[in-house]
Amino acid sequence: MKPFQKRIITILIVFVLLLVIFFPYLKAEVLTFQHGSEFEGLEQQTKMLAEARYYKVLSYTENTATVFYVSDTGDLITFRRDSQGNWQYTDWVTIWSNTGSADEFYWPYYH
């Protein structure tokens, strides 16, 4: 194999790896840009979380969405639309905490 071919193959491998690593972050940024306003302040439905410093929409369909809220903790909240079309939280998992009381791993890693 010629050096030029090796270089091209190496560049392609690095590009694919970077794409795999950064795709979830890019997807979250796009979904947050498109649908983020729908979830602003909805972490307060739990009645236990502090106001989020920021949040990212990780997945979104017409009836369900998963949003990651960051305050003193990192909380993954799943929402479902109710019969009136409003988002209601159905599941809540604390992924990380400043106090170290949560140690689950989630990708993409927002901290």
C-alpha atoms as a PDB file:
ATOM      1  CA  MET A   1       0.000   0.000   0.000  1.00  0.00           C
ATOM      2  CA  LYS A   2       1.301   3.425  -0.910  1.00  0.00           C
ATOM      3  CA  PRO A   3       1.882   6.083   1.786  1.00  0.00           C
ATOM      4  CA  PHE A   4      -0.787   8.297   0.224  1.00  0.00           C
ATOM      5  CA  GLN A   5      -3.377   5.500   0.489  1.00  0.00           C
ATOM      6  CA  LYS A   6      -2.422   4.840   4.118  1.00  0.00           C
ATOM      7  CA  ARG A   7      -2.838   8.518   4.919  1.00  0.00           C
ATOM      8  CA  ILE A   8      -6.298   8.634   3.287  1.00  0.00           C
ATOM      9  CA  ILE A   9      -7.412   5.499   5.151  1.00  0.00           C
ATOM     10  CA  THR A  10      -6.116   6.911   8.449  1.00  0.00           C
ATOM     11  CA  ILE A  11      -7.949  10.201   7.867  1.00  0.00           C
ATOM     12  CA  LEU A  12     -11.174   8.345   7.048  1.00  0.00           C
ATOM     13  CA  ILE A  13     -10.907   6.203  10.186  1.00  0.00           C
ATOM     14  CA  VAL A  14     -10.303   9.265  12.372  1.00  0.00           C
ATOM     15  CA  PHE A  15     -13.222  11.077  10.710  1.00  0.00           C
ATOM     16  CA  VAL A  16     -15.593   8.148  11.314  1.00  0.00           C
ATOM     17  CA  LEU A  17     -14.493   7.867  14.952  1.00  0.00           C
ATOM     18  CA  LEU A  18     -14.989  11.586  15.538  1.00  0.00           C
ATOM     19  CA  LEU A  19     -18.400  11.402  13.880  1.00  0.00           C
ATOM     20  CA  VAL A  20     -19.443   8.527  16.161  1.00  0.00           C
ATOM     21  CA  ILE A  21     -18.178  10.331  19.252  1.00  0.00           C
ATOM     22  CA  PHE A  22     -19.699  13.738  18.509  1.00  0.00           C
ATOM     23  CA  PHE A  23     -22.961  12.763  16.770  1.00  0.00           C
ATOM     24  CA  PRO A  24     -24.985  12.501  20.036  1.00  0.00           C
ATOM     25  CA  TYR A  25     -23.864  15.997  21.037  1.00  0.00           C
ATOM     26  CA  LEU A  26     -24.740  17.427  17.649  1.00  0.00           C
ATOM     27  CA  LYS A  27     -28.138  15.695  17.721  1.00  0.00           C
ATOM     28  CA  ALA A  28     -28.858  17.113  21.195  1.00  0.00           C
ATOM     29  CA  GLU A  29     -27.914  20.615  20.077  1.00  0.00           C
ATOM     30  CA  VAL A  30     -30.196  20.415  17.032  1.00  0.00           C
ATOM     31  CA  LEU A  31     -33.131  18.992  19.031  1.00  0.00           C
ATOM     32  CA  THR A  32     -32.651  21.623  21.750  1.00  0.00           C
ATOM     33  CA  PHE A  33     -32.630  24.374  19.136  1.00  0.00           C
ATOM     34  CA  GLN A  34     -35.792  22.993  17.486  1.00  0.00           C
ATOM     35  CA  HIS A  35     -37.833  21.994  20.558  1.00  0.00           C
ATOM     36  CA  GLY A  36     -36.075  23.381  23.633  1.00  0.00           C
ATOM     37  CA  SER A  37     -38.616  26.104  24.320  1.00  0.00           C
ATOM     38  CA  GLU A  38     -41.286  23.439  24.898  1.00  0.00           C
ATOM     39  CA  PHE A  39     -39.374  22.143  27.942  1.00  0.00           C
ATOM     40  CA  GLU A  40     -38.220  25.337  29.603  1.00  0.00           C
ATOM     41  CA  GLY A  41     -39.051  25.150  33.307  1.00  0.00           C
ATOM     42  CA  LEU A  42     -40.748  21.742  33.102  1.00  0.00           C
ATOM     43  CA  GLU A  43     -38.219  20.261  35.545  1.00  0.00           C
ATOM     44  CA  GLN A  44     -40.336  21.999  38.209  1.00  0.00           C
ATOM     45  CA  GLN A  45     -43.074  19.390  37.648  1.00  0.00           C
ATOM     46  CA  THR A  46     -41.041  17.086  39.892  1.00  0.00           C
ATOM     47  CA  LYS A  47     -41.454  19.583  42.771  1.00  0.00           C
ATOM     48  CA  MET A  48     -37.990  18.541  43.993  1.00  0.00           C
ATOM     49  CA  LEU A  49     -35.449  19.852  41.476  1.00  0.00           C
ATOM     50  CA  ALA A  50     -33.787  23.235  41.566  1.00  0.00           C
ATOM     51  CA  GLU A  51     -34.211  25.507  38.569  1.00  0.00           C
ATOM     52  CA  ALA A  52     -31.990  24.230  35.775  1.00  0.00           C
ATOM     53  CA  ARG A  53     -28.964  26.238  34.650  1.00  0.00           C
ATOM     54  CA  TYR A  54     -29.379  24.675  31.228  1.00  0.00           C
ATOM     55  CA  TYR A  55     -31.015  21.707  29.548  1.00  0.00           C
ATOM     56  CA  LYS A  56     -30.621  19.604  26.423  1.00  0.00           C
ATOM     57  CA  VAL A  57     -33.293  17.720  24.502  1.00  0.00           C
ATOM     58  CA  LEU A  58     -31.779  14.286  23.891  1.00  0.00           C
ATOM     59  CA  SER A  59     -34.675  12.639  22.070  1.00  0.00           C
ATOM     60  CA  TYR A  60     -37.970  13.877  20.710  1.00  0.00           C
ATOM     61  CA  THR A  61     -41.029  12.358  19.041  1.00  0.00           C
ATOM     62  CA  GLU A  62     -44.569  13.673  18.745  1.00  0.00           C
ATOM     63  CA  ASN A  63     -45.607  12.005  22.032  1.00  0.00           C
ATOM     64  CA  THR A  64     -42.427  11.455  24.052  1.00  0.00           C
ATOM     65  CA  ALA A  65     -39.232  13.331  24.779  1.00  0.00           C
ATOM     66  CA  THR A  66     -36.172  12.898  26.949  1.00  0.00           C
ATOM     67  CA  VAL A  67     -34.555  16.044  28.364  1.00  0.00           C
ATOM     68  CA  PHE A  68     -31.394  16.374  30.428  1.00  0.00           C
ATOM     69  CA  TYR A  69     -31.582  19.192  33.018  1.00  0.00           C
ATOM     70  CA  VAL A  70     -28.457  20.466  34.782  1.00  0.00           C
ATOM     71  CA  SER A  71     -28.534  22.319  38.103  1.00  0.00           C
ATOM     72  CA  ASP A  72     -26.754  20.967  41.210  1.00  0.00           C
ATOM     73  CA  THR A  73     -27.594  17.573  39.741  1.00  0.00           C
ATOM     74  CA  GLY A  74     -27.866  16.134  36.271  1.00  0.00           C
ATOM     75  CA  ASP A  75     -31.379  14.810  35.807  1.00  0.00           C
ATOM     76  CA  LEU A  76     -32.773  12.869  32.900  1.00  0.00           C
ATOM     77  CA  ILE A  77     -36.525  13.431  32.642  1.00  0.00           C
ATOM     78  CA  THR A  78     -38.818  11.634  30.230  1.00  0.00           C
ATOM     79  CA  PHE A  79     -41.985  13.451  29.179  1.00  0.00           C
ATOM     80  CA  ARG A  80     -45.163  12.244  27.498  1.00  0.00           C
ATOM     81  CA  ARG A  81     -47.923  14.357  25.998  1.00  0.00           C
ATOM     82  CA  ASP A  82     -51.227  14.223  27.852  1.00  0.00           C
ATOM     83  CA  SER A  83     -54.660  14.306  26.199  1.00  0.00           C
ATOM     84  CA  GLN A  84     -54.575  18.143  26.080  1.00  0.00           C
ATOM     85  CA  GLY A  85     -51.200  18.122  24.295  1.00  0.00           C
ATOM     86  CA  ASN A  86     -49.180  19.286  27.314  1.00  0.00           C
ATOM     87  CA  TRP A  87     -45.907  17.659  28.333  1.00  0.00           C
ATOM     88  CA  GLN A  88     -46.067  15.716  31.629  1.00  0.00           C
ATOM     89  CA  TYR A  89     -43.069  13.999  33.168  1.00  0.00           C
ATOM     90  CA  THR A  90     -43.323  10.223  33.415  1.00  0.00           C
ATOM     91  CA  ASP A  91     -39.833   9.236  34.542  1.00  0.00           C
ATOM     92  CA  TRP A  92     -36.995  10.982  36.326  1.00  0.00           C
ATOM     93  CA  VAL A  93     -33.474   9.676  36.927  1.00  0.00           C
ATOM     94  CA  THR A  94     -30.630  11.569  38.567  1.00  0.00           C
ATOM     95  CA  ILE A  95     -27.525  10.741  36.546  1.00  0.00           C
ATOM     96  CA  TRP A  96     -24.944  12.712  38.549  1.00  0.00           C
ATOM     97  CA  SER A  97     -24.804  14.919  41.609  1.00  0.00           C
ATOM     98  CA  ASN A  98     -22.293  17.364  43.079  1.00  0.00           C
ATOM     99  CA  THR A  99     -22.615  15.431  46.328  1.00  0.00           C
ATOM    100  CA  GLY A 100     -21.629  12.174  44.656  1.00  0.00           C
ATOM    101  CA  SER A 101     -24.921  10.463  45.437  1.00  0.00           C
ATOM    102  CA  ALA A 102     -25.603   9.497  41.814  1.00  0.00           C
ATOM    103  CA  ASP A 103     -23.134   7.656  39.655  1.00  0.00           C
ATOM    104  CA  GLU A 104     -24.969   6.377  36.600  1.00  0.00           C
ATOM    105  CA  PHE A 105     -23.365   6.834  33.203  1.00  0.00           C
ATOM    106  CA  TYR A 106     -25.285   8.315  30.325  1.00  0.00           C
ATOM    107  CA  TRP A 107     -24.246   9.220  26.786  1.00  0.00           C
ATOM    108  CA  PRO A 108     -23.889  11.953  25.712  1.00  0.00           C
ATOM    109  CA  TYR A 109     -22.047  13.092  28.770  1.00  0.00           C
ATOM    110  CA  TYR A 110     -23.220  16.549  29.865  1.00  0.00           C
ATOM    111  CA  HIS A 111     -21.656  17.750  33.068  1.00  0.00           C
END
